[in-house]
Every structure is written in C-alpha cells, then in structure tokens.
Amino acid sequence: MKMSWLTYALMTVAFWGVYGVILHLGRGAMPGTPPNPTPEGAHAGLKAFLFVCVAYAVIGVITAVVLKGRGSNLSFTPAGISISLVAGIAGAAGALTLVLALGAAGQAGYGALAATAVMPIVFGGAPVVNSIVSMLLHPPAKENFKSLPLFVAGLIFAAVGAVLVVKFAPISAPPAKKPAATAATAT
C-alpha cells in the first residue's frame, strides 16, 4: 500500500504528539519518583531515555528487514552514512534534551503535565529552526520571494503560538494529602 507524504506527515504528528506525554509517563514510572521519591529519582529521565534508544535500535533492525523486503541491496555511500549519522546524533541529542526538559518542567511546578509546557516549545520552535536552516542550505528561487512575508508571518505565528500555549499551560494539581492518623485508629 502506497501512502502520500501527507499521510506519513500526519502519522508523524500522531506519534510525536504522544511521544512527550508517554516519555514523561515512563520517567514517572521509574524507581525513586513520586509518590515514593528517593535520590534514584534524579536518574529517572535518563533511564526512560535508555529505553527510547533501545526502541530506536529495534526500529533500525525492522527498517533493514523492510529495505531487504523491498529489494534493496543495502549498499551505502560514505557521505550518506556520515550525514545520516550526524542527523541521528542531532535527533538523539534532541531526544536527550527533551527528557531533561520534561524532568526540569516537572520539578518547576508542571508536575505530571510537564509535556504541556515542553512539547509546544519543541513543536513550535523546531519548524522555525528547520525552515531557517533549510532556506540557508537551499535558498528559494527568486520568484518565490514574493510569498516570503507570509512565510515569515507563519514562522512568527508558530513561535508566538508555542509561547502562548506554554504561558497558559495548566499545571498539575498538588498531590492529595493523606488523612492524619487519629488516636482511635492507632488502638
């Protein structure tokens, strides 16, 4: 079954849209995190990231099988390998800093809703950076410059939208207090 680029893009939106939320849930399920905090909880984000890396390795093996199934001879060029490795490093570094941002936002008062603050910055800012870098590497044709003001307006709206979402993001409710033990229950 052949799908369009838009279908794949929307699938990416769905996967990456839940990525931060699920990653933060995984972080919160690691040892030492509330409701039973210990010093080990400081490592929870990196522990979750470790399994993100394992998942990437599994997907990598599946990709090799798919390539072979499509008839690829699995030949590569040194330039293709090195540029793709740099892309992988950028992606992995971004995932690592995402984990660190989720942890810091959780401690800064967003709690379980850390993804509501972090992900809009990531998904509002990344397209802006992507557009600027893409245009620097591959400048648009001169006839496309007439639409540049609307393009820049779109980038500004993306950035401003991300800031507004973060500024007004809900924060987690404080944990419910356990009722104090009474003398009657102690006997």
N, C-alpha and C. Protein backbone atom coordinates (compact mmCIF):
# COMPACT_ATOMS: atom_id res chain seq x y z
N MET A 1 0.85 -1.18 0.00
CA MET A 1 0.00 0.00 0.00
C MET A 1 0.89 1.24 0.00
N LYS A 2 0.69 2.12 -0.94
CA LYS A 2 1.48 3.34 -1.05
C LYS A 2 0.70 4.50 -0.44
N MET A 3 1.35 5.22 0.47
CA MET A 3 0.70 6.35 1.13
C MET A 3 1.36 7.65 0.68
N SER A 4 0.62 8.74 0.76
CA SER A 4 1.15 10.04 0.36
C SER A 4 2.04 10.62 1.46
N TRP A 5 2.79 11.63 1.09
CA TRP A 5 3.64 12.30 2.06
C TRP A 5 2.81 12.88 3.20
N LEU A 6 1.62 13.36 2.88
CA LEU A 6 0.76 13.96 3.90
C LEU A 6 0.30 12.92 4.91
N THR A 7 -0.01 11.73 4.43
CA THR A 7 -0.40 10.66 5.35
C THR A 7 0.73 10.34 6.31
N TYR A 8 1.95 10.21 5.76
CA TYR A 8 3.11 9.95 6.62
C TYR A 8 3.35 11.11 7.58
N ALA A 9 3.20 12.34 7.10
CA ALA A 9 3.39 13.51 7.96
C ALA A 9 2.39 13.51 9.11
N LEU A 10 1.13 13.19 8.80
CA LEU A 10 0.11 13.16 9.85
C LEU A 10 0.35 12.00 10.83
N MET A 11 0.89 10.90 10.34
CA MET A 11 1.26 9.80 11.23
C MET A 11 2.39 10.25 12.16
N THR A 12 3.33 11.02 11.63
CA THR A 12 4.42 11.54 12.45
C THR A 12 3.88 12.48 13.51
N VAL A 13 2.94 13.33 13.13
CA VAL A 13 2.30 14.22 14.10
C VAL A 13 1.68 13.40 15.23
N ALA A 14 0.99 12.34 14.88
CA ALA A 14 0.36 11.50 15.91
C ALA A 14 1.42 10.85 16.81
N PHE A 15 2.45 10.25 16.21
CA PHE A 15 3.49 9.59 17.01
C PHE A 15 4.23 10.60 17.89
N TRP A 16 4.68 11.69 17.30
CA TRP A 16 5.44 12.66 18.08
C TRP A 16 4.54 13.46 19.01
N GLY A 17 3.26 13.55 18.68
CA GLY A 17 2.33 14.23 19.56
C GLY A 17 2.14 13.50 20.89
N VAL A 18 2.22 12.20 20.87
CA VAL A 18 2.09 11.43 22.12
C VAL A 18 3.45 11.09 22.73
N TYR A 19 4.52 11.29 21.97
CA TYR A 19 5.87 10.92 22.42
C TYR A 19 6.23 11.56 23.76
N GLY A 20 6.12 12.87 23.87
CA GLY A 20 6.50 13.56 25.09
C GLY A 20 5.67 13.14 26.28
N VAL A 21 4.38 12.96 26.07
CA VAL A 21 3.49 12.54 27.16
C VAL A 21 3.87 11.14 27.64
N ILE A 22 4.05 10.22 26.70
CA ILE A 22 4.40 8.84 27.08
C ILE A 22 5.79 8.79 27.70
N LEU A 23 6.73 9.57 27.16
CA LEU A 23 8.08 9.61 27.70
C LEU A 23 8.06 10.11 29.15
N HIS A 24 7.25 11.13 29.41
CA HIS A 24 7.16 11.65 30.78
C HIS A 24 6.48 10.62 31.69
N LEU A 25 5.52 9.89 31.18
CA LEU A 25 4.90 8.82 31.97
C LEU A 25 5.94 7.74 32.31
N GLY A 26 6.76 7.38 31.31
CA GLY A 26 7.82 6.39 31.55
C GLY A 26 8.80 6.87 32.58
N ARG A 27 9.15 8.14 32.51
CA ARG A 27 10.04 8.75 33.50
C ARG A 27 9.43 8.64 34.89
N GLY A 28 8.15 8.95 34.99
CA GLY A 28 7.47 8.91 36.28
C GLY A 28 7.27 7.50 36.83
N ALA A 29 7.39 6.49 35.98
CA ALA A 29 7.23 5.11 36.44
C ALA A 29 8.55 4.47 36.86
N MET A 30 9.65 5.21 36.72
CA MET A 30 10.95 4.68 37.12
C MET A 30 11.11 4.76 38.64
N PRO A 31 12.00 3.92 39.19
CA PRO A 31 12.20 3.92 40.65
C PRO A 31 12.63 5.29 41.17
N GLY A 32 12.14 5.62 42.35
CA GLY A 32 12.55 6.84 43.03
C GLY A 32 11.76 8.08 42.71
N THR A 33 10.73 7.94 41.87
CA THR A 33 9.91 9.10 41.54
C THR A 33 8.68 9.11 42.44
N PRO A 34 8.02 10.27 42.59
CA PRO A 34 6.83 10.33 43.44
C PRO A 34 5.81 9.28 43.03
N PRO A 35 5.10 8.70 43.94
CA PRO A 35 4.86 9.14 45.31
C PRO A 35 5.92 8.65 46.31
N ASN A 36 6.92 7.92 45.88
CA ASN A 36 7.96 7.43 46.79
C ASN A 36 9.33 7.95 46.33
N PRO A 37 9.56 9.25 46.46
CA PRO A 37 10.81 9.82 45.94
C PRO A 37 12.03 9.34 46.72
N THR A 38 13.08 9.06 45.97
CA THR A 38 14.39 8.73 46.54
C THR A 38 15.44 9.43 45.69
N PRO A 39 16.68 9.44 46.13
CA PRO A 39 17.73 10.05 45.29
C PRO A 39 17.82 9.42 43.90
N GLU A 40 17.42 8.16 43.76
CA GLU A 40 17.48 7.48 42.47
C GLU A 40 16.53 8.14 41.46
N GLY A 41 15.51 8.83 41.94
CA GLY A 41 14.57 9.51 41.06
C GLY A 41 15.23 10.55 40.17
N ALA A 42 16.37 11.07 40.58
CA ALA A 42 17.09 12.05 39.76
C ALA A 42 17.55 11.46 38.43
N HIS A 43 17.62 10.14 38.35
CA HIS A 43 18.08 9.46 37.14
C HIS A 43 16.92 8.94 36.28
N ALA A 44 15.70 9.21 36.70
CA ALA A 44 14.53 8.63 36.03
C ALA A 44 14.44 9.01 34.55
N GLY A 45 14.72 10.26 34.22
CA GLY A 45 14.63 10.70 32.82
C GLY A 45 15.63 9.99 31.93
N LEU A 46 16.85 9.84 32.41
CA LEU A 46 17.86 9.15 31.61
C LEU A 46 17.56 7.66 31.50
N LYS A 47 16.95 7.09 32.53
CA LYS A 47 16.55 5.68 32.44
C LYS A 47 15.48 5.50 31.37
N ALA A 48 14.52 6.42 31.34
CA ALA A 48 13.49 6.35 30.30
C ALA A 48 14.12 6.51 28.92
N PHE A 49 15.06 7.44 28.80
CA PHE A 49 15.74 7.68 27.52
C PHE A 49 16.51 6.45 27.05
N LEU A 50 17.08 5.70 27.98
CA LEU A 50 17.79 4.48 27.63
C LEU A 50 16.88 3.54 26.85
N PHE A 51 15.63 3.43 27.25
CA PHE A 51 14.71 2.53 26.55
C PHE A 51 14.19 3.14 25.25
N VAL A 52 14.21 4.47 25.14
CA VAL A 52 13.94 5.11 23.85
C VAL A 52 15.03 4.68 22.87
N CYS A 53 16.28 4.65 23.33
CA CYS A 53 17.40 4.23 22.48
C CYS A 53 17.25 2.77 22.07
N VAL A 54 16.82 1.93 23.00
CA VAL A 54 16.59 0.52 22.67
C VAL A 54 15.51 0.42 21.60
N ALA A 55 14.46 1.22 21.74
CA ALA A 55 13.38 1.21 20.74
C ALA A 55 13.89 1.63 19.37
N TYR A 56 14.77 2.64 19.32
CA TYR A 56 15.36 3.06 18.05
C TYR A 56 16.14 1.90 17.42
N ALA A 57 16.88 1.16 18.24
CA ALA A 57 17.65 0.03 17.71
C ALA A 57 16.71 -1.03 17.13
N VAL A 58 15.61 -1.31 17.81
CA VAL A 58 14.64 -2.29 17.32
C VAL A 58 14.05 -1.81 15.99
N ILE A 59 13.67 -0.53 15.93
CA ILE A 59 13.12 0.02 14.68
C ILE A 59 14.17 -0.02 13.58
N GLY A 60 15.45 0.19 13.93
CA GLY A 60 16.53 0.10 12.94
C GLY A 60 16.61 -1.29 12.32
N VAL A 61 16.50 -2.32 13.14
CA VAL A 61 16.52 -3.70 12.62
C VAL A 61 15.30 -3.94 11.73
N ILE A 62 14.14 -3.47 12.15
CA ILE A 62 12.93 -3.62 11.34
C ILE A 62 13.11 -2.90 10.00
N THR A 63 13.72 -1.72 10.02
CA THR A 63 13.95 -0.96 8.79
C THR A 63 14.85 -1.72 7.83
N ALA A 64 15.89 -2.37 8.35
CA ALA A 64 16.76 -3.18 7.49
C ALA A 64 16.00 -4.33 6.85
N VAL A 65 15.11 -4.94 7.60
CA VAL A 65 14.28 -6.03 7.06
C VAL A 65 13.35 -5.50 5.98
N VAL A 66 12.75 -4.32 6.23
CA VAL A 66 11.86 -3.71 5.23
C VAL A 66 12.64 -3.37 3.96
N LEU A 67 13.83 -2.79 4.11
CA LEU A 67 14.67 -2.48 2.94
C LEU A 67 14.95 -3.74 2.12
N LYS A 68 15.34 -4.78 2.80
CA LYS A 68 15.65 -6.04 2.11
C LYS A 68 14.38 -6.58 1.43
N GLY A 69 13.26 -6.49 2.13
CA GLY A 69 11.99 -6.95 1.57
C GLY A 69 11.56 -6.17 0.34
N ARG A 70 11.98 -4.91 0.27
CA ARG A 70 11.66 -4.07 -0.90
C ARG A 70 12.65 -4.28 -2.03
N GLY A 71 13.64 -5.13 -1.82
CA GLY A 71 14.59 -5.44 -2.88
C GLY A 71 15.88 -4.65 -2.83
N SER A 72 16.14 -3.92 -1.75
CA SER A 72 17.38 -3.16 -1.64
C SER A 72 18.58 -4.09 -1.48
N ASN A 73 19.71 -3.69 -2.07
CA ASN A 73 20.93 -4.49 -1.88
C ASN A 73 21.72 -3.99 -0.67
N LEU A 74 21.15 -3.04 0.07
CA LEU A 74 21.74 -2.47 1.28
C LEU A 74 23.14 -1.88 1.03
N SER A 75 23.33 -1.24 -0.13
CA SER A 75 24.60 -0.55 -0.39
C SER A 75 24.47 0.88 0.12
N PHE A 76 25.60 1.42 0.59
CA PHE A 76 25.62 2.76 1.16
C PHE A 76 26.85 3.50 0.64
N THR A 77 26.82 4.83 0.74
CA THR A 77 27.99 5.65 0.39
C THR A 77 28.54 6.24 1.68
N PRO A 78 29.85 6.52 1.71
CA PRO A 78 30.41 7.14 2.91
C PRO A 78 29.73 8.47 3.27
N ALA A 79 29.43 9.29 2.27
CA ALA A 79 28.76 10.58 2.54
C ALA A 79 27.36 10.34 3.10
N GLY A 80 26.63 9.41 2.51
CA GLY A 80 25.28 9.11 3.01
C GLY A 80 25.30 8.60 4.44
N ILE A 81 26.28 7.76 4.73
CA ILE A 81 26.41 7.22 6.10
C ILE A 81 26.76 8.34 7.08
N SER A 82 27.76 9.14 6.75
CA SER A 82 28.22 10.15 7.71
C SER A 82 27.16 11.23 7.94
N ILE A 83 26.51 11.70 6.88
CA ILE A 83 25.48 12.72 7.05
C ILE A 83 24.30 12.15 7.84
N SER A 84 23.93 10.92 7.56
CA SER A 84 22.83 10.29 8.28
C SER A 84 23.18 10.07 9.75
N LEU A 85 24.44 9.74 10.03
CA LEU A 85 24.86 9.61 11.43
C LEU A 85 24.79 10.95 12.16
N VAL A 86 25.17 12.03 11.48
CA VAL A 86 25.05 13.35 12.09
C VAL A 86 23.57 13.67 12.36
N ALA A 87 22.70 13.31 11.42
CA ALA A 87 21.27 13.50 11.64
C ALA A 87 20.80 12.70 12.85
N GLY A 88 21.29 11.47 12.95
CA GLY A 88 20.93 10.63 14.09
C GLY A 88 21.41 11.21 15.40
N ILE A 89 22.62 11.77 15.39
CA ILE A 89 23.16 12.41 16.60
C ILE A 89 22.29 13.62 16.97
N ALA A 90 21.90 14.41 15.98
CA ALA A 90 21.04 15.57 16.25
C ALA A 90 19.70 15.10 16.82
N GLY A 91 19.12 14.06 16.23
CA GLY A 91 17.85 13.54 16.73
C GLY A 91 17.97 12.98 18.13
N ALA A 92 19.02 12.20 18.37
CA ALA A 92 19.22 11.61 19.70
C ALA A 92 19.52 12.68 20.74
N ALA A 93 20.33 13.68 20.37
CA ALA A 93 20.63 14.77 21.30
C ALA A 93 19.35 15.54 21.62
N GLY A 94 18.50 15.72 20.61
CA GLY A 94 17.22 16.39 20.85
C GLY A 94 16.33 15.57 21.77
N ALA A 95 16.33 14.26 21.58
CA ALA A 95 15.54 13.40 22.47
C ALA A 95 16.09 13.44 23.90
N LEU A 96 17.41 13.46 24.02
CA LEU A 96 18.03 13.54 25.34
C LEU A 96 17.68 14.86 26.03
N THR A 97 17.81 15.98 25.32
CA THR A 97 17.48 17.25 25.94
C THR A 97 15.99 17.39 26.20
N LEU A 98 15.16 16.69 25.42
CA LEU A 98 13.73 16.65 25.69
C LEU A 98 13.47 15.97 27.03
N VAL A 99 14.14 14.84 27.26
CA VAL A 99 14.00 14.13 28.54
C VAL A 99 14.38 15.06 29.70
N LEU A 100 15.50 15.77 29.54
CA LEU A 100 15.96 16.67 30.59
C LEU A 100 14.98 17.82 30.79
N ALA A 101 14.41 18.34 29.70
CA ALA A 101 13.43 19.42 29.80
C ALA A 101 12.16 18.96 30.51
N LEU A 102 11.70 17.75 30.19
CA LEU A 102 10.50 17.23 30.85
C LEU A 102 10.72 17.08 32.35
N GLY A 103 11.89 16.58 32.72
CA GLY A 103 12.20 16.44 34.15
C GLY A 103 12.26 17.78 34.85
N ALA A 104 12.92 18.75 34.23
CA ALA A 104 13.03 20.08 34.84
C ALA A 104 11.67 20.76 34.93
N ALA A 105 10.83 20.62 33.90
CA ALA A 105 9.49 21.22 33.93
C ALA A 105 8.64 20.57 35.00
N GLY A 106 8.79 19.26 35.16
CA GLY A 106 8.05 18.56 36.21
C GLY A 106 8.41 19.09 37.59
N GLN A 107 9.69 19.39 37.79
CA GLN A 107 10.14 19.92 39.08
C GLN A 107 9.81 21.40 39.23
N ALA A 108 9.59 22.09 38.12
CA ALA A 108 9.32 23.53 38.16
C ALA A 108 7.85 23.84 38.42
N GLY A 109 7.06 22.82 38.69
CA GLY A 109 5.66 23.07 39.04
C GLY A 109 4.65 22.48 38.07
N TYR A 110 5.10 22.03 36.90
CA TYR A 110 4.15 21.46 35.95
C TYR A 110 3.80 20.03 36.32
N GLY A 111 4.64 19.37 37.11
CA GLY A 111 4.38 18.01 37.56
C GLY A 111 4.11 17.06 36.42
N ALA A 112 3.02 16.30 36.55
CA ALA A 112 2.66 15.31 35.53
C ALA A 112 2.29 15.96 34.21
N LEU A 113 2.01 17.24 34.23
CA LEU A 113 1.64 17.95 33.00
C LEU A 113 2.84 18.66 32.36
N ALA A 114 4.06 18.21 32.66
CA ALA A 114 5.26 18.83 32.10
C ALA A 114 5.23 18.87 30.58
N ALA A 115 4.67 17.85 29.96
CA ALA A 115 4.63 17.81 28.49
C ALA A 115 3.79 18.95 27.92
N THR A 116 2.82 19.46 28.68
CA THR A 116 2.02 20.58 28.17
C THR A 116 2.84 21.85 28.04
N ALA A 117 3.93 21.95 28.79
CA ALA A 117 4.81 23.11 28.69
C ALA A 117 5.93 22.87 27.70
N VAL A 118 6.53 21.70 27.75
CA VAL A 118 7.73 21.43 26.96
C VAL A 118 7.42 21.20 25.49
N MET A 119 6.45 20.36 25.18
CA MET A 119 6.22 19.96 23.80
C MET A 119 5.81 21.12 22.88
N PRO A 120 5.01 22.09 23.34
CA PRO A 120 4.72 23.22 22.45
C PRO A 120 5.97 24.02 22.06
N ILE A 121 6.92 24.15 22.99
CA ILE A 121 8.16 24.84 22.66
C ILE A 121 8.91 24.04 21.59
N VAL A 122 8.98 22.71 21.80
CA VAL A 122 9.69 21.85 20.86
C VAL A 122 9.02 21.89 19.49
N PHE A 123 7.70 21.69 19.47
CA PHE A 123 7.00 21.59 18.19
C PHE A 123 6.68 22.94 17.57
N GLY A 124 6.78 24.02 18.33
CA GLY A 124 6.63 25.35 17.76
C GLY A 124 7.97 25.90 17.30
N GLY A 125 9.02 25.56 18.04
CA GLY A 125 10.35 26.08 17.71
C GLY A 125 11.07 25.29 16.64
N ALA A 126 10.94 23.97 16.65
CA ALA A 126 11.66 23.13 15.69
C ALA A 126 11.31 23.48 14.24
N PRO A 127 10.05 23.71 13.88
CA PRO A 127 9.76 24.08 12.49
C PRO A 127 10.39 25.41 12.08
N VAL A 128 10.52 26.34 13.03
CA VAL A 128 11.15 27.61 12.73
C VAL A 128 12.63 27.39 12.41
N VAL A 129 13.31 26.63 13.28
CA VAL A 129 14.73 26.33 13.05
C VAL A 129 14.89 25.55 11.74
N ASN A 130 14.02 24.56 11.53
CA ASN A 130 14.07 23.75 10.30
C ASN A 130 13.94 24.62 9.07
N SER A 131 13.00 25.54 9.08
CA SER A 131 12.78 26.40 7.92
C SER A 131 13.98 27.30 7.64
N ILE A 132 14.54 27.87 8.69
CA ILE A 132 15.70 28.76 8.51
C ILE A 132 16.89 27.98 7.97
N VAL A 133 17.19 26.83 8.57
CA VAL A 133 18.34 26.03 8.12
C VAL A 133 18.11 25.53 6.70
N SER A 134 16.89 25.07 6.40
CA SER A 134 16.59 24.60 5.04
C SER A 134 16.80 25.69 4.01
N MET A 135 16.34 26.91 4.34
CA MET A 135 16.48 28.01 3.39
C MET A 135 17.93 28.45 3.25
N LEU A 136 18.73 28.32 4.30
CA LEU A 136 20.14 28.66 4.19
C LEU A 136 20.88 27.64 3.34
N LEU A 137 20.54 26.37 3.49
CA LEU A 137 21.19 25.32 2.71
C LEU A 137 20.70 25.28 1.27
N HIS A 138 19.43 25.58 1.06
CA HIS A 138 18.81 25.53 -0.27
C HIS A 138 17.97 26.79 -0.46
N PRO A 139 18.61 27.91 -0.80
CA PRO A 139 17.86 29.16 -0.96
C PRO A 139 16.73 29.01 -1.98
N PRO A 140 15.59 29.62 -1.69
CA PRO A 140 14.46 29.52 -2.62
C PRO A 140 14.73 30.30 -3.90
N ALA A 141 14.02 29.93 -4.95
CA ALA A 141 14.12 30.65 -6.23
C ALA A 141 13.61 32.08 -6.03
N LYS A 142 14.18 33.01 -6.78
CA LYS A 142 13.82 34.43 -6.62
C LYS A 142 12.33 34.68 -6.82
N GLU A 143 11.69 33.90 -7.68
CA GLU A 143 10.26 34.13 -7.91
C GLU A 143 9.42 33.74 -6.69
N ASN A 144 10.00 32.99 -5.74
CA ASN A 144 9.27 32.62 -4.54
C ASN A 144 9.38 33.66 -3.43
N PHE A 145 10.22 34.68 -3.64
CA PHE A 145 10.41 35.68 -2.60
C PHE A 145 9.17 36.53 -2.36
N LYS A 146 8.26 36.61 -3.34
CA LYS A 146 7.06 37.42 -3.12
C LYS A 146 6.17 36.84 -2.02
N SER A 147 6.28 35.55 -1.75
CA SER A 147 5.48 34.96 -0.68
C SER A 147 6.25 34.90 0.64
N LEU A 148 7.48 35.42 0.66
CA LEU A 148 8.31 35.37 1.86
C LEU A 148 7.67 36.06 3.06
N PRO A 149 7.01 37.23 2.90
CA PRO A 149 6.38 37.84 4.08
C PRO A 149 5.34 36.94 4.76
N LEU A 150 4.54 36.23 3.98
CA LEU A 150 3.56 35.33 4.58
C LEU A 150 4.25 34.13 5.23
N PHE A 151 5.32 33.67 4.62
CA PHE A 151 6.09 32.57 5.19
C PHE A 151 6.66 32.99 6.55
N VAL A 152 7.27 34.17 6.61
CA VAL A 152 7.83 34.68 7.86
C VAL A 152 6.71 34.88 8.89
N ALA A 153 5.56 35.37 8.45
CA ALA A 153 4.42 35.53 9.36
C ALA A 153 4.02 34.18 9.96
N GLY A 154 4.02 33.15 9.12
CA GLY A 154 3.71 31.80 9.63
C GLY A 154 4.70 31.33 10.67
N LEU A 155 5.99 31.61 10.44
CA LEU A 155 7.01 31.24 11.43
C LEU A 155 6.80 31.99 12.74
N ILE A 156 6.46 33.27 12.62
CA ILE A 156 6.21 34.08 13.82
C ILE A 156 4.98 33.54 14.56
N PHE A 157 3.93 33.22 13.83
CA PHE A 157 2.73 32.67 14.46
C PHE A 157 3.05 31.34 15.18
N ALA A 158 3.88 30.51 14.55
CA ALA A 158 4.25 29.24 15.19
C ALA A 158 4.98 29.49 16.51
N ALA A 159 5.92 30.42 16.49
CA ALA A 159 6.68 30.72 17.70
C ALA A 159 5.80 31.36 18.77
N VAL A 160 4.99 32.33 18.37
CA VAL A 160 4.10 33.00 19.32
C VAL A 160 3.08 32.01 19.87
N GLY A 161 2.56 31.14 19.01
CA GLY A 161 1.61 30.13 19.48
C GLY A 161 2.22 29.22 20.53
N ALA A 162 3.45 28.82 20.32
CA ALA A 162 4.14 27.96 21.30
C ALA A 162 4.29 28.68 22.63
N VAL A 163 4.68 29.95 22.57
CA VAL A 163 4.84 30.72 23.80
C VAL A 163 3.51 30.87 24.53
N LEU A 164 2.43 31.13 23.80
CA LEU A 164 1.11 31.27 24.43
C LEU A 164 0.65 29.97 25.08
N VAL A 165 0.89 28.86 24.40
CA VAL A 165 0.49 27.57 24.96
C VAL A 165 1.25 27.32 26.26
N VAL A 166 2.55 27.61 26.27
CA VAL A 166 3.34 27.39 27.48
C VAL A 166 2.92 28.34 28.60
N LYS A 167 2.72 29.60 28.25
CA LYS A 167 2.36 30.59 29.26
C LYS A 167 1.06 30.24 29.96
N PHE A 168 0.13 29.67 29.23
CA PHE A 168 -1.17 29.36 29.81
C PHE A 168 -1.39 27.86 30.01
N ALA A 169 -0.30 27.09 29.98
CA ALA A 169 -0.41 25.64 30.18
C ALA A 169 -0.89 25.35 31.60
N PRO A 170 -1.76 24.37 31.75
CA PRO A 170 -2.20 24.01 33.10
C PRO A 170 -1.06 23.35 33.87
N ILE A 171 -1.09 23.51 35.16
CA ILE A 171 -0.11 22.82 35.99
C ILE A 171 -0.83 21.74 36.78
N SER A 172 -0.09 20.77 37.24
CA SER A 172 -0.69 19.66 37.97
C SER A 172 -1.25 20.14 39.30
N ALA A 173 -2.34 19.51 39.68
CA ALA A 173 -2.90 19.77 41.00
C ALA A 173 -1.95 19.20 42.04
N PRO A 174 -1.86 19.84 43.20
CA PRO A 174 -0.98 19.28 44.23
C PRO A 174 -1.48 17.90 44.64
N PRO A 175 -0.56 17.02 45.04
CA PRO A 175 -1.00 15.68 45.44
C PRO A 175 -1.95 15.76 46.63
N ALA A 176 -2.90 14.86 46.64
CA ALA A 176 -3.88 14.82 47.73
C ALA A 176 -3.16 14.45 49.03
N LYS A 177 -3.52 15.16 50.11
CA LYS A 177 -2.91 14.88 51.40
C LYS A 177 -3.57 13.66 52.02
N LYS A 178 -2.73 12.82 52.62
CA LYS A 178 -3.26 11.65 53.31
C LYS A 178 -3.85 12.10 54.63
N PRO A 179 -5.00 11.53 55.03
CA PRO A 179 -5.59 11.93 56.30
C PRO A 179 -4.65 11.54 57.45
N ALA A 180 -4.60 12.42 58.44
CA ALA A 180 -3.75 12.16 59.59
C ALA A 180 -4.34 11.01 60.40
N ALA A 181 -3.46 10.21 60.95
CA ALA A 181 -3.91 9.08 61.78
C ALA A 181 -4.46 9.62 63.09
N THR A 182 -5.57 9.07 63.51
CA THR A 182 -6.18 9.51 64.76
C THR A 182 -5.86 8.50 65.84
N ALA A 183 -6.08 8.90 67.05
CA ALA A 183 -5.81 8.02 68.20
C ALA A 183 -6.71 6.79 68.13
N ALA A 184 -7.92 6.95 67.60
CA ALA A 184 -8.86 5.83 67.54
C ALA A 184 -8.37 4.76 66.58
N THR A 185 -7.74 5.16 65.48
CA THR A 185 -7.26 4.17 64.52
C THR A 185 -5.94 3.55 64.97
N ALA A 186 -5.24 4.23 65.88
CA ALA A 186 -3.96 3.72 66.34
C ALA A 186 -4.14 2.59 67.35
N THR A 187 -5.31 2.51 67.99
CA THR A 187 -5.51 1.48 69.01
C THR A 187 -6.01 0.20 68.47
